[in-house]
PDB file of N, CA and C in Angstrom:
ATOM      1  N   MET A   1      -1.320  11.851  -0.871  1.00  0.00           N
ATOM      2  CA  MET A   1      -0.089  11.510  -0.451  1.00  0.00           C
ATOM      3  C   MET A   1      -0.072  10.188   0.153  1.00  0.00           C
ATOM      4  N   ILE A   2       0.756   9.320  -0.663  1.00  0.00           N
ATOM      5  CA  ILE A   2       0.998   8.073   0.199  1.00  0.00           C
ATOM      6  C   ILE A   2       2.310   8.028   1.359  1.00  0.00           C
ATOM      7  N   TYR A   3       1.614   7.679   2.122  1.00  0.00           N
ATOM      8  CA  TYR A   3       2.761   8.000   3.589  1.00  0.00           C
ATOM      9  C   TYR A   3       3.001   6.279   3.899  1.00  0.00           C
ATOM     10  N   LEU A   4       3.988   5.909   4.036  1.00  0.00           N
ATOM     11  CA  LEU A   4       4.437   4.697   4.489  1.00  0.00           C
ATOM     12  C   LEU A   4       5.518   4.520   4.916  1.00  0.00           C
ATOM     13  N   THR A   5       5.644   4.381   6.422  1.00  0.00           N
ATOM     14  CA  THR A   5       7.178   4.101   7.179  1.00  0.00           C
ATOM     15  C   THR A   5       6.800   3.066   8.078  1.00  0.00           C
ATOM     16  N   GLY A   6       8.307   2.547   8.341  1.00  0.00           N
ATOM     17  CA  GLY A   6       8.237   1.407   9.461  1.00  0.00           C
ATOM     18  C   GLY A   6       8.478   0.273   8.856  1.00  0.00           C
ATOM     19  N   VAL A   7       8.984   0.377   7.303  1.00  0.00           N
ATOM     20  CA  VAL A   7       9.567  -0.939   6.386  1.00  0.00           C
ATOM     21  C   VAL A   7      11.072  -0.022   6.056  1.00  0.00           C
ATOM     22  N   LYS A   8      11.103  -0.120   4.746  1.00  0.00           N
ATOM     23  CA  LYS A   8      12.141   0.662   3.835  1.00  0.00           C
ATOM     24  C   LYS A   8      11.437   1.831   3.775  1.00  0.00           C
ATOM     25  N   ALA A   9      12.335   2.833   3.525  1.00  0.00           N
ATOM     26  CA  ALA A   9      11.666   4.076   3.217  1.00  0.00           C
ATOM     27  C   ALA A   9      11.772   4.205   1.402  1.00  0.00           C
ATOM     28  N   TYR A  10      10.815   3.672   0.783  1.00  0.00           N
ATOM     29  CA  TYR A  10      10.625   4.017  -0.330  1.00  0.00           C
ATOM     30  C   TYR A  10       9.531   5.259  -0.506  1.00  0.00           C
ATOM     31  N   ARG A  11      10.049   6.165  -1.550  1.00  0.00           N
ATOM     32  CA  ARG A  11       9.365   7.587  -1.759  1.00  0.00           C
ATOM     33  C   ARG A  11       8.416   7.014  -2.797  1.00  0.00           C
ATOM     34  N   LEU A  12       7.158   7.270  -2.370  1.00  0.00           N
ATOM     35  CA  LEU A  12       6.166   7.242  -3.509  1.00  0.00           C
ATOM     36  C   LEU A  12       5.561   8.608  -3.669  1.00  0.00           C
ATOM     37  N   HIS A  13       5.161   8.586  -5.050  1.00  0.00           N
ATOM     38  CA  HIS A  13       4.910  10.145  -5.218  1.00  0.00           C
ATOM     39  C   HIS A  13       3.490  10.560  -4.737  1.00  0.00           C
ATOM     40  N   ALA A  14       3.373  11.935  -4.727  1.00  0.00           N
ATOM     41  CA  ALA A  14       2.344  12.318  -3.792  1.00  0.00           C
ATOM     42  C   ALA A  14       1.599  12.745  -4.873  1.00  0.00           C
ATOM     43  N   ARG A  15       0.079  12.543  -4.735  1.00  0.00           N
ATOM     44  CA  ARG A  15      -1.192  12.410  -5.690  1.00  0.00           C
ATOM     45  C   ARG A  15      -1.837  14.220  -5.511  1.00  0.00           C
ATOM     46  N   LEU A  16      -1.453  14.960  -6.492  1.00  0.00           N
ATOM     47  CA  LEU A  16      -1.525  16.442  -6.452  1.00  0.00           C
ATOM     48  C   LEU A  16      -2.976  16.637  -6.845  1.00  0.00           C
ATOM     49  N   PRO A  17      -3.849  17.502  -6.424  1.00  0.00           N
ATOM     50  CA  PRO A  17      -5.050  17.709  -6.899  1.00  0.00           C
ATOM     51  C   PRO A  17      -4.810  17.749  -8.739  1.00  0.00           C
ATOM     52  N   ALA A  18      -5.879  16.745  -9.167  1.00  0.00           N
ATOM     53  CA  ALA A  18      -5.859  17.103 -10.816  1.00  0.00           C
ATOM     54  C   ALA A  18      -6.807  17.952 -11.199  1.00  0.00           C
ATOM     55  N   CYS A  19      -6.304  18.375 -12.387  1.00  0.00           N
ATOM     56  CA  CYS A  19      -7.032  19.609 -12.921  1.00  0.00           C
ATOM     57  C   CYS A  19      -8.120  19.141 -14.046  1.00  0.00           C
ATOM     58  N   SER A  20      -7.765  17.624 -14.166  1.00  0.00           N
ATOM     59  CA  SER A  20      -8.949  17.321 -15.032  1.00  0.00           C
ATOM     60  C   SER A  20      -9.215  15.733 -14.898  1.00  0.00           C
ATOM     61  N   ARG A  21     -10.196  15.255 -15.426  1.00  0.00           N
ATOM     62  CA  ARG A  21     -10.527  13.745 -14.533  1.00  0.00           C
ATOM     63  C   ARG A  21      -9.526  13.056 -15.337  1.00  0.00           C
ATOM     64  N   ALA A  22      -8.672  13.125 -16.867  1.00  0.00           N
ATOM     65  CA  ALA A  22      -7.848  12.185 -17.313  1.00  0.00           C
ATOM     66  C   ALA A  22      -6.383  12.353 -16.154  1.00  0.00           C
ATOM     67  N   LYS A  23      -6.321  13.306 -15.795  1.00  0.00           N
ATOM     68  CA  LYS A  23      -4.954  14.017 -14.825  1.00  0.00           C
ATOM     69  C   LYS A  23      -5.350  12.596 -13.589  1.00  0.00           C
ATOM     70  N   GLU A  24      -6.495  12.933 -12.994  1.00  0.00           N
ATOM     71  CA  GLU A  24      -6.804  12.393 -11.929  1.00  0.00           C
ATOM     72  C   GLU A  24      -6.422  11.052 -11.968  1.00  0.00           C
ATOM     73  N   GLN A  25      -7.321  10.257 -12.995  1.00  0.00           N
ATOM     74  CA  GLN A  25      -7.150   8.767 -13.591  1.00  0.00           C
ATOM     75  C   GLN A  25      -5.919   8.396 -13.724  1.00  0.00           C
ATOM     76  N   GLU A  26      -5.156   9.446 -14.225  1.00  0.00           N
ATOM     77  CA  GLU A  26      -3.169   9.037 -14.349  1.00  0.00           C
ATOM     78  C   GLU A  26      -2.792   8.898 -13.089  1.00  0.00           C
ATOM     79  N   ASP A  27      -3.039   9.753 -12.325  1.00  0.00           N
ATOM     80  CA  ASP A  27      -2.313   9.886 -10.865  1.00  0.00           C
ATOM     81  C   ASP A  27      -2.774   8.436 -10.230  1.00  0.00           C
ATOM     82  N   ASP A  28      -4.306   7.937 -10.212  1.00  0.00           N
ATOM     83  CA  ASP A  28      -4.494   6.817  -9.343  1.00  0.00           C
ATOM     84  C   ASP A  28      -3.670   5.233 -10.034  1.00  0.00           C
ATOM     85  N   THR A  29      -3.666   5.754 -11.369  1.00  0.00           N
ATOM     86  CA  THR A  29      -2.811   4.597 -12.135  1.00  0.00           C
ATOM     87  C   THR A  29      -1.514   4.616 -11.777  1.00  0.00           C
ATOM     88  N   MET A  30      -0.851   5.626 -11.055  1.00  0.00           N
ATOM     89  CA  MET A  30       0.399   5.513 -10.709  1.00  0.00           C
ATOM     90  C   MET A  30       0.216   5.031  -9.469  1.00  0.00           C
ATOM     91  N   GLN A  31      -0.244   5.739  -8.450  1.00  0.00           N
ATOM     92  CA  GLN A  31      -0.523   4.859  -7.202  1.00  0.00           C
ATOM     93  C   GLN A  31      -0.892   3.592  -7.091  1.00  0.00           C
ATOM     94  N   THR A  32      -1.346   2.824  -8.089  1.00  0.00           N
ATOM     95  CA  THR A  32      -1.548   1.485  -7.668  1.00  0.00           C
ATOM     96  C   THR A  32      -0.206   0.918  -8.220  1.00  0.00           C
ATOM     97  N   ALA A  33       0.232   1.547  -9.052  1.00  0.00           N
ATOM     98  CA  ALA A  33       1.626   0.777  -9.775  1.00  0.00           C
ATOM     99  C   ALA A  33       2.560   0.779  -8.525  1.00  0.00           C
ATOM    100  N   GLU A  34       2.339   2.268  -7.478  1.00  0.00           N
ATOM    101  CA  GLU A  34       3.523   2.234  -6.842  1.00  0.00           C
ATOM    102  C   GLU A  34       3.060   1.338  -5.644  1.00  0.00           C
ATOM    103  N   ILE A  35       1.814   1.138  -5.278  1.00  0.00           N
ATOM    104  CA  ILE A  35       1.179  -0.004  -4.235  1.00  0.00           C
ATOM    105  C   ILE A  35       1.751  -1.285  -4.324  1.00  0.00           C
ATOM    106  N   HIS A  36       1.688  -1.993  -5.657  1.00  0.00           N
ATOM    107  CA  HIS A  36       1.974  -3.188  -6.070  1.00  0.00           C
ATOM    108  C   HIS A  36       3.316  -3.388  -6.251  1.00  0.00           C
ATOM    109  N   ASP A  37       4.194  -2.304  -6.514  1.00  0.00           N
ATOM    110  CA  ASP A  37       5.747  -2.258  -6.400  1.00  0.00           C
ATOM    111  C   ASP A  37       6.111  -2.171  -4.899  1.00  0.00           C
ATOM    112  N   TYR A  38       5.569  -1.804  -4.036  1.00  0.00           N
ATOM    113  CA  TYR A  38       5.964  -1.327  -2.563  1.00  0.00           C
ATOM    114  C   TYR A  38       5.410  -3.289  -1.937  1.00  0.00           C
ATOM    115  N   ALA A  39       4.466  -3.664  -2.446  1.00  0.00           N
ATOM    116  CA  ALA A  39       4.287  -4.574  -1.857  1.00  0.00           C
ATOM    117  C   ALA A  39       5.366  -6.304  -2.331  1.00  0.00           C
ATOM    118  N   ARG A  40       5.412  -5.729  -3.629  1.00  0.00           N
ATOM    119  CA  ARG A  40       6.450  -6.964  -4.154  1.00  0.00           C
ATOM    120  C   ARG A  40       7.782  -6.895  -3.370  1.00  0.00           C
ATOM    121  N   GLN A  41       8.314  -5.892  -2.769  1.00  0.00           N
ATOM    122  CA  GLN A  41       9.316  -5.317  -2.490  1.00  0.00           C
ATOM    123  C   GLN A  41       9.095  -5.730  -0.799  1.00  0.00           C
ATOM    124  N   LEU A  42       7.674  -5.946  -0.279  1.00  0.00           N
ATOM    125  CA  LEU A  42       7.768  -6.133   0.899  1.00  0.00           C
ATOM    126  C   LEU A  42       7.778  -7.819   1.366  1.00  0.00           C
ATOM    127  N   TRP A  43       6.646  -8.271   0.024  1.00  0.00           N
ATOM    128  CA  TRP A  43       6.785  -9.785   0.208  1.00  0.00           C
ATOM    129  C   TRP A  43       7.945 -10.419  -0.158  1.00  0.00           C
ATOM    130  N   GLU A  44       8.942  -9.945  -1.086  1.00  0.00           N
ATOM    131  CA  GLU A  44      10.295 -10.151  -1.392  1.00  0.00           C
ATOM    132  C   GLU A  44      11.105 -10.381  -0.077  1.00  0.00           C
ATOM    133  N   ALA A  45      11.222  -9.298   0.717  1.00  0.00           N
ATOM    134  CA  ALA A  45      11.762  -9.076   1.890  1.00  0.00           C
ATOM    135  C   ALA A  45      11.337  -9.698   3.088  1.00  0.00           C
ATOM    136  N   HIS A  46      10.032 -10.169   3.391  1.00  0.00           N
ATOM    137  CA  HIS A  46       9.512 -10.478   4.357  1.00  0.00           C
ATOM    138  C   HIS A  46       8.429 -11.989   4.105  1.00  0.00           C
ATOM    139  N   GLY A  47       8.148 -12.573   2.798  1.00  0.00           N
ATOM    140  CA  GLY A  47       7.270 -13.655   2.552  1.00  0.00           C
ATOM    141  C   GLY A  47       5.700 -13.070   3.478  1.00  0.00           C
ATOM    142  N   LEU A  48       5.550 -14.461   4.021  1.00  0.00           N
ATOM    143  CA  LEU A  48       3.970 -14.675   4.357  1.00  0.00           C
ATOM    144  C   LEU A  48       3.915 -13.651   5.715  1.00  0.00           C
ATOM    145  N   LYS A  49       5.053 -13.028   6.150  1.00  0.00           N
ATOM    146  CA  LYS A  49       5.162 -12.154   7.312  1.00  0.00           C
ATOM    147  C   LYS A  49       4.982 -10.921   6.982  1.00  0.00           C
ATOM    148  N   ALA A  50       4.858 -10.505   5.904  1.00  0.00           N
ATOM    149  CA  ALA A  50       4.489  -9.229   4.855  1.00  0.00           C
ATOM    150  C   ALA A  50       2.857  -8.878   5.326  1.00  0.00           C
ATOM    151  N   ILE A  51       2.238  -9.963   4.803  1.00  0.00           N
ATOM    152  CA  ILE A  51       0.654  -9.536   5.076  1.00  0.00           C
ATOM    153  C   ILE A  51       0.418  -9.502   6.494  1.00  0.00           C
ATOM    154  N   ALA A  52       0.777 -10.064   7.895  1.00  0.00           N
ATOM    155  CA  ALA A  52       0.789  -9.580   8.987  1.00  0.00           C
ATOM    156  C   ALA A  52       1.343  -8.155   9.242  1.00  0.00           C
ATOM    157  N   GLU A  53       2.728  -7.732   9.043  1.00  0.00           N
ATOM    158  CA  GLU A  53       3.096  -6.477   8.559  1.00  0.00           C
ATOM    159  C   GLU A  53       2.347  -5.297   8.607  1.00  0.00           C
ATOM    160  N   ALA A  54       1.542  -5.556   7.091  1.00  0.00           N
ATOM    161  CA  ALA A  54       0.874  -4.572   6.673  1.00  0.00           C
ATOM    162  C   ALA A  54      -0.513  -4.452   7.437  1.00  0.00           C
ATOM    163  N   ALA A  55      -1.052  -5.306   7.989  1.00  0.00           N
ATOM    164  CA  ALA A  55      -2.205  -5.383   9.006  1.00  0.00           C
ATOM    165  C   ALA A  55      -1.727  -4.479  10.304  1.00  0.00           C
ATOM    166  N   GLN A  56      -0.947  -4.847  10.749  1.00  0.00           N
ATOM    167  CA  GLN A  56      -0.591  -4.284  12.048  1.00  0.00           C
ATOM    168  C   GLN A  56      -0.172  -2.785  11.746  1.00  0.00           C
ATOM    169  N   LYS A  57       0.582  -2.471  10.607  1.00  0.00           N
ATOM    170  CA  LYS A  57       0.492  -1.206  10.359  1.00  0.00           C
ATOM    171  C   LYS A  57      -0.500  -0.061  10.151  1.00  0.00           C
ATOM    172  N   ALA A  58      -1.857  -0.727   9.355  1.00  0.00           N
ATOM    173  CA  ALA A  58      -2.632  -0.458   8.877  1.00  0.00           C
ATOM    174  C   ALA A  58      -3.577  -0.062  10.232  1.00  0.00           C
ATOM    175  N   ARG A  59      -3.754  -1.240  11.208  1.00  0.00           N
ATOM    176  CA  ARG A  59      -4.033  -1.047  12.340  1.00  0.00           C
ATOM    177  C   ARG A  59      -3.701   0.163  13.019  1.00  0.00           C
ATOM    178  N   SER A  60      -2.614   0.267  13.048  1.00  0.00           N
ATOM    179  CA  SER A  60      -1.695   1.278  13.930  1.00  0.00           C
ATOM    180  C   SER A  60      -2.068   2.879  13.456  1.00  0.00           C
ATOM    181  N   PHE A  61      -2.125   2.775  12.254  1.00  0.00           N
ATOM    182  CA  PHE A  61      -2.624   4.310  11.546  1.00  0.00           C
ATOM    183  C   PHE A  61      -3.992   4.552  12.012  1.00  0.00           C
ATOM    184  N   GLU A  62      -4.963   3.329  12.132  1.00  0.00           N
ATOM    185  CA  GLU A  62      -6.449   3.725  12.266  1.00  0.00           C
ATOM    186  C   GLU A  62      -6.599   3.936  13.650  1.00  0.00           C
ATOM    187  N   GLU A  63      -5.981   3.396  14.547  1.00  0.00           N
ATOM    188  CA  GLU A  63      -5.854   4.031  15.795  1.00  0.00           C
ATOM    189  C   GLU A  63      -5.355   5.571  15.992  1.00  0.00           C
ATOM    190  N   ARG A  64      -4.376   5.926  15.497  1.00  0.00           N
ATOM    191  CA  ARG A  64      -3.886   7.181  15.472  1.00  0.00           C
ATOM    192  C   ARG A  64      -4.930   8.169  14.900  1.00  0.00           C
ATOM    193  N   GLY A  65      -5.853   7.703  14.202  1.00  0.00           N
ATOM    194  CA  GLY A  65      -6.606   8.525  13.428  1.00  0.00           C
ATOM    195  C   GLY A  65      -6.196   9.191  11.780  1.00  0.00           C
ATOM    196  N   GLU A  66      -4.950   8.384  11.361  1.00  0.00           N
ATOM    197  CA  GLU A  66      -4.480   8.461  10.200  1.00  0.00           C
ATOM    198  C   GLU A  66      -4.980   7.900   9.183  1.00  0.00           C
ATOM    199  N   SER A  67      -6.100   8.367   8.671  1.00  0.00           N
ATOM    200  CA  SER A  67      -6.832   7.253   7.672  1.00  0.00           C
ATOM    201  C   SER A  67      -6.328   7.037   6.649  1.00  0.00           C
ATOM    202  N   GLU A  68      -5.431   7.988   6.010  1.00  0.00           N
ATOM    203  CA  GLU A  68      -4.969   8.140   4.446  1.00  0.00           C
ATOM    204  C   GLU A  68      -3.597   6.960   4.599  1.00  0.00           C
ATOM    205  N   ARG A  69      -2.896   7.113   5.830  1.00  0.00           N
ATOM    206  CA  ARG A  69      -1.804   6.227   5.793  1.00  0.00           C
ATOM    207  C   ARG A  69      -2.319   4.771   5.856  1.00  0.00           C
ATOM    208  N   ALA A  70      -3.650   4.617   6.618  1.00  0.00           N
ATOM    209  CA  ALA A  70      -4.393   3.150   6.807  1.00  0.00           C
ATOM    210  C   ALA A  70      -4.627   2.700   5.939  1.00  0.00           C
ATOM    211  N   ARG A  71      -4.995   3.603   4.991  1.00  0.00           N
ATOM    212  CA  ARG A  71      -5.722   2.875   3.784  1.00  0.00           C
ATOM    213  C   ARG A  71      -4.410   2.660   2.971  1.00  0.00           C
ATOM    214  N   ASN A  72      -3.688   3.181   2.964  1.00  0.00           N
ATOM    215  CA  ASN A  72      -2.534   3.097   2.100  1.00  0.00           C
ATOM    216  C   ASN A  72      -2.109   1.493   2.373  1.00  0.00           C
ATOM    217  N   TRP A  73      -2.005   1.268   3.666  1.00  0.00           N
ATOM    218  CA  TRP A  73      -1.493  -0.198   4.408  1.00  0.00           C
ATOM    219  C   TRP A  73      -2.478  -0.793   3.773  1.00  0.00           C
ATOM    220  N   ARG A  74      -3.693  -0.697   3.895  1.00  0.00           N
ATOM    221  CA  ARG A  74      -4.926  -1.803   3.797  1.00  0.00           C
ATOM    222  C   ARG A  74      -4.828  -2.323   2.430  1.00  0.00           C
ATOM    223  N   ARG A  75      -4.229  -1.315   1.545  1.00  0.00           N
ATOM    224  CA  ARG A  75      -4.437  -1.504   0.234  1.00  0.00           C
ATOM    225  C   ARG A  75      -3.084  -2.528   0.020  1.00  0.00           C
ATOM    226  N   ILE A  76      -1.802  -2.308   0.109  1.00  0.00           N
ATOM    227  CA  ILE A  76      -0.883  -2.837   0.292  1.00  0.00           C
ATOM    228  C   ILE A  76      -1.208  -4.418   1.024  1.00  0.00           C
ATOM    229  N   GLU A  77      -1.844  -4.736   2.132  1.00  0.00           N
ATOM    230  CA  GLU A  77      -2.308  -5.819   2.651  1.00  0.00           C
ATOM    231  C   GLU A  77      -2.939  -6.518   1.418  1.00  0.00           C
ATOM    232  N   ALA A  78      -4.343  -6.179   0.975  1.00  0.00           N
ATOM    233  CA  ALA A  78      -5.206  -6.725  -0.047  1.00  0.00           C
ATOM    234  C   ALA A  78      -3.872  -7.226  -1.130  1.00  0.00           C
ATOM    235  N   VAL A  79      -2.970  -6.587  -1.914  1.00  0.00           N
ATOM    236  CA  VAL A  79      -2.323  -6.703  -3.203  1.00  0.00           C
ATOM    237  C   VAL A  79      -1.423  -8.073  -2.401  1.00  0.00           C
ATOM    238  N   LEU A  80      -1.027  -8.252  -1.030  1.00  0.00           N
ATOM    239  CA  LEU A  80       0.036  -9.301  -0.128  1.00  0.00           C
ATOM    240  C   LEU A  80      -1.100 -10.375  -0.443  1.00  0.00           C
ATOM    241  N   LEU A  81      -2.227 -10.093   0.215  1.00  0.00           N
ATOM    242  CA  LEU A  81      -3.267 -11.469  -0.182  1.00  0.00           C
ATOM    243  C   LEU A  81      -3.061 -11.841  -1.298  1.00  0.00           C
ATOM    244  N   GLU A  82      -3.422 -11.119  -2.447  1.00  0.00           N
ATOM    245  CA  GLU A  82      -3.635 -11.804  -3.895  1.00  0.00           C
ATOM    246  C   GLU A  82      -2.177 -12.517  -4.041  1.00  0.00           C
ATOM    247  N   MET A  83      -1.408 -11.652  -3.848  1.00  0.00           N
ATOM    248  CA  MET A  83       0.159 -12.281  -3.952  1.00  0.00           C
ATOM    249  C   MET A  83       0.316 -14.136  -3.333  1.00  0.00           C
ATOM    250  N   ARG A  84      -0.123 -14.023  -2.225  1.00  0.00           N
ATOM    251  CA  ARG A  84      -0.033 -15.448  -1.554  1.00  0.00           C
ATOM    252  C   ARG A  84      -1.302 -16.331  -2.393  1.00  0.00           C
ATOM    253  N   GLY A  85      -2.496 -15.865  -3.088  1.00  0.00           N
ATOM    254  CA  GLY A  85      -3.333 -17.159  -3.364  1.00  0.00           C
ATOM    255  C   GLY A  85      -4.063 -17.419  -2.861  1.00  0.00           C
ATOM    256  N   PRO A  86      -4.671 -18.412  -3.224  1.00  0.00           N
ATOM    257  CA  PRO A  86      -6.137 -19.041  -2.334  1.00  0.00           C
ATOM    258  C   PRO A  86      -5.189 -19.962  -1.590  1.00  0.00           C
ATOM    259  N   PRO A  87      -5.951 -20.294  -0.457  1.00  0.00           N
ATOM    260  CA  PRO A  87      -5.675 -21.442   0.426  1.00  0.00           C
ATOM    261  C   PRO A  87      -5.251 -22.975  -0.129  1.00  0.00           C
ATOM    262  N   GLN A  88      -4.563 -23.544   0.033  1.00  0.00           N
ATOM    263  CA  GLN A  88      -4.455 -24.898  -0.513  1.00  0.00           C
ATOM    264  C   GLN A  88      -5.144 -26.003   0.430  1.00  0.00           C
ATOM    265  N   SER A  89      -6.002 -27.142  -0.176  1.00  0.00           N
ATOM    266  CA  SER A  89      -6.720 -28.108   0.524  1.00  0.00           C
ATOM    267  C   SER A  89      -6.206 -28.977   0.431  1.00  0.00           C
TER     268      SER A  89
END
């Protein structure tokens, strides 16, 4: 299940146990799409600050032992870093 709190309350679909490998891949794809959508919305709302916010959320959940939530925020952080692009020289 994807848990995201502290920004806007966007409901992301929970990943249910899959009956088959195909169903599991479909669920993973949905989660990836949702992570990208959430990251895009966070970027539009906060710009570069969204990266720091995602990292802070991930660390907070890691410290509390909520590994699934922390993993989701790390995935969001990674997408945001991709959106930012490479550093300019």
